Amino acid sequence: MTLGKKGSKYSLEELISLFHLETIFDPKREELKKEQQNISGAEKQRICVARALYRNKKWLFLDEAFSAMDKGTSQEIHNLILSDSNITVVSIEHQITRKILLLYDEVLLVDHKKIKRCSVSEYVNQHKQLQSGFGNV
């Protein structure tokens, strides 16, 4: 997960715990446990985001990075990465909840090769279906 890089504001053990990867990683070494030959799509997504955090990336470009995760884990990881003011997150999402959307600062809509920028509250007010569940972005 660390790709050989040493030194991060997060320890490997901390990221394994924060991203709920204890069942697949040996927390004392950076390798998969022997019995974990196949990992799920959600586990792969969590490893990729954890790797970016470990490597102290200033920008995270996420393309459907949470699509295979359950809502609770997705919310938890969103909260973690968005609480770090040193990281700028650009997230492409097709299905989002109002709860996740409200974690972000603004929305960029791409429609017919044009980009429209709006605040989250403006977007939520225009798309009332987000009030009760999922909506398309």
Protein backbone atom coordinates (compact mmCIF):
# COMPACT_ATOMS: atom_id res chain seq x y z
CA MET A 1 0.00 0.00 0.00
CA THR A 2 2.87 2.40 0.70
CA LEU A 3 4.61 1.60 -2.60
CA GLY A 4 7.95 1.70 -0.78
CA LYS A 5 7.56 5.29 0.38
CA LYS A 6 8.54 6.00 3.96
CA GLY A 7 7.19 8.83 6.03
CA SER A 8 3.59 9.97 6.07
CA LYS A 9 1.37 11.84 8.46
CA TYR A 10 -0.50 8.52 8.70
CA SER A 11 1.06 5.28 9.83
CA LEU A 12 0.35 2.14 7.85
CA GLU A 13 -1.39 0.63 10.89
CA GLU A 14 -3.59 3.73 11.24
CA LEU A 15 -4.70 3.59 7.60
CA ILE A 16 -5.41 -0.13 7.79
CA SER A 17 -7.67 0.59 10.74
CA LEU A 18 -9.30 3.75 9.31
CA PHE A 19 -10.12 1.99 6.04
CA HIS A 20 -11.26 -1.27 7.69
CA LEU A 21 -8.58 -3.37 6.00
CA GLU A 22 -7.57 -5.46 9.02
CA THR A 23 -9.01 -8.61 7.54
CA ILE A 24 -6.79 -8.47 4.46
CA PHE A 25 -3.55 -6.80 5.60
CA ASP A 26 -1.01 -7.90 8.15
CA PRO A 27 -0.78 -4.67 10.19
CA LYS A 28 2.90 -5.28 11.01
CA ARG A 29 3.97 -5.69 7.38
CA GLU A 30 2.81 -4.21 4.13
CA GLU A 31 1.50 -7.33 2.50
CA LEU A 32 -1.74 -9.15 2.03
CA LYS A 33 -2.45 -12.04 4.35
CA LYS A 34 -1.85 -15.37 2.64
CA GLU A 35 -5.53 -16.36 2.78
CA GLN A 36 -6.51 -13.15 0.96
CA GLN A 37 -5.74 -14.03 -2.64
CA ASN A 38 -8.84 -12.31 -4.01
CA ILE A 39 -10.07 -8.98 -2.72
CA SER A 40 -13.39 -7.33 -3.45
CA GLY A 41 -13.96 -4.20 -5.50
CA ALA A 42 -14.75 -2.23 -2.35
CA GLU A 43 -11.49 -3.39 -0.73
CA LYS A 44 -9.57 -2.34 -3.84
CA GLN A 45 -11.22 1.09 -3.72
CA ARG A 46 -10.37 1.52 -0.03
CA ILE A 47 -6.74 0.49 -0.66
CA CYS A 48 -6.39 3.05 -3.47
CA VAL A 49 -7.74 5.94 -1.41
CA ALA A 50 -5.65 4.88 1.62
CA ARG A 51 -2.56 4.74 -0.61
CA ALA A 52 -3.19 8.31 -1.80
CA LEU A 53 -3.53 9.52 1.79
CA TYR A 54 -0.36 7.69 2.82
CA ARG A 55 1.53 9.33 -0.02
CA ASN A 56 0.39 12.80 1.18
CA LYS A 57 -1.25 13.73 -2.09
CA LYS A 58 -2.52 17.31 -2.22
CA TRP A 59 -5.13 16.52 -4.87
CA LEU A 60 -7.40 13.49 -5.03
CA PHE A 61 -9.23 12.83 -8.29
CA LEU A 62 -11.84 10.23 -7.52
CA ASP A 63 -13.86 8.57 -10.27
CA GLU A 64 -16.65 6.54 -8.72
CA ALA A 65 -14.22 5.78 -5.88
CA PHE A 66 -16.99 4.78 -3.48
CA SER A 67 -19.33 2.93 -5.83
CA ALA A 68 -18.57 -0.55 -4.46
CA MET A 69 -18.63 0.49 -0.79
CA ASP A 70 -21.58 0.39 1.55
CA LYS A 71 -23.09 3.77 2.52
CA GLY A 72 -21.65 3.77 6.05
CA THR A 73 -18.07 3.09 4.95
CA SER A 74 -18.40 5.58 2.09
CA GLN A 75 -19.61 8.29 4.47
CA GLU A 76 -16.83 7.54 6.95
CA ILE A 77 -14.09 7.74 4.30
CA HIS A 78 -15.60 10.87 2.75
CA ASN A 79 -15.53 12.49 6.19
CA LEU A 80 -11.91 11.48 6.69
CA ILE A 81 -10.55 12.79 3.39
CA LEU A 82 -12.68 15.94 3.36
CA SER A 83 -11.69 16.86 6.92
CA ASP A 84 -8.10 17.38 5.75
CA SER A 85 -7.86 21.01 4.60
CA ASN A 86 -4.56 20.24 2.83
CA ILE A 87 -6.29 17.99 0.28
CA THR A 88 -8.40 19.18 -2.64
CA VAL A 89 -10.87 16.50 -3.68
CA VAL A 90 -12.49 16.29 -7.10
CA SER A 91 -15.01 13.47 -7.08
CA ILE A 92 -16.97 12.18 -10.04
CA GLU A 93 -20.20 10.59 -8.88
CA HIS A 94 -23.22 9.34 -10.76
CA GLN A 95 -25.34 8.34 -7.79
CA ILE A 96 -25.03 10.43 -4.65
CA THR A 97 -26.97 11.05 -1.49
CA ARG A 98 -27.76 14.45 -0.11
CA LYS A 99 -25.71 13.52 2.99
CA ILE A 100 -22.56 12.93 0.90
CA LEU A 101 -23.18 15.95 -1.32
CA LEU A 102 -23.35 18.25 1.70
CA LEU A 103 -19.76 17.32 2.58
CA TYR A 104 -18.50 19.12 -0.53
CA ASP A 105 -18.09 22.85 -1.21
CA GLU A 106 -19.38 23.09 -4.75
CA VAL A 107 -20.76 21.16 -7.69
CA LEU A 108 -19.58 21.19 -11.28
CA LEU A 109 -22.20 19.96 -13.71
CA VAL A 110 -21.12 18.78 -17.16
CA ASP A 111 -23.93 19.00 -19.67
CA HIS A 112 -23.55 19.07 -23.47
CA LYS A 113 -19.83 19.86 -23.26
CA LYS A 114 -20.47 22.83 -20.95
CA ILE A 115 -19.49 23.10 -17.30
CA LYS A 116 -21.78 24.86 -14.86
CA ARG A 117 -20.49 25.69 -11.39
CA CYS A 118 -22.87 26.08 -8.46
CA SER A 119 -22.89 25.90 -4.69
CA VAL A 120 -24.03 22.71 -3.02
CA SER A 121 -27.09 24.43 -1.51
CA GLU A 122 -28.06 25.82 -4.92
CA TYR A 123 -27.77 22.35 -6.45
CA VAL A 124 -29.78 20.72 -3.65
CA ASN A 125 -32.52 23.35 -4.03
CA GLN A 126 -32.69 22.69 -7.79
CA HIS A 127 -32.76 18.90 -7.39
CA LYS A 128 -35.38 18.10 -4.78
CA GLN A 129 -35.03 14.32 -5.31
CA LEU A 130 -31.83 14.55 -3.24
CA GLN A 131 -33.90 15.43 -0.19
CA SER A 132 -35.11 11.86 0.17
CA GLY A 133 -32.43 9.69 -1.31
CA PHE A 134 -30.45 9.30 -4.50
CA GLY A 135 -30.14 11.67 -7.40
CA ASN A 136 -28.00 11.81 -10.48
CA VAL A 137 -25.07 14.16 -10.83
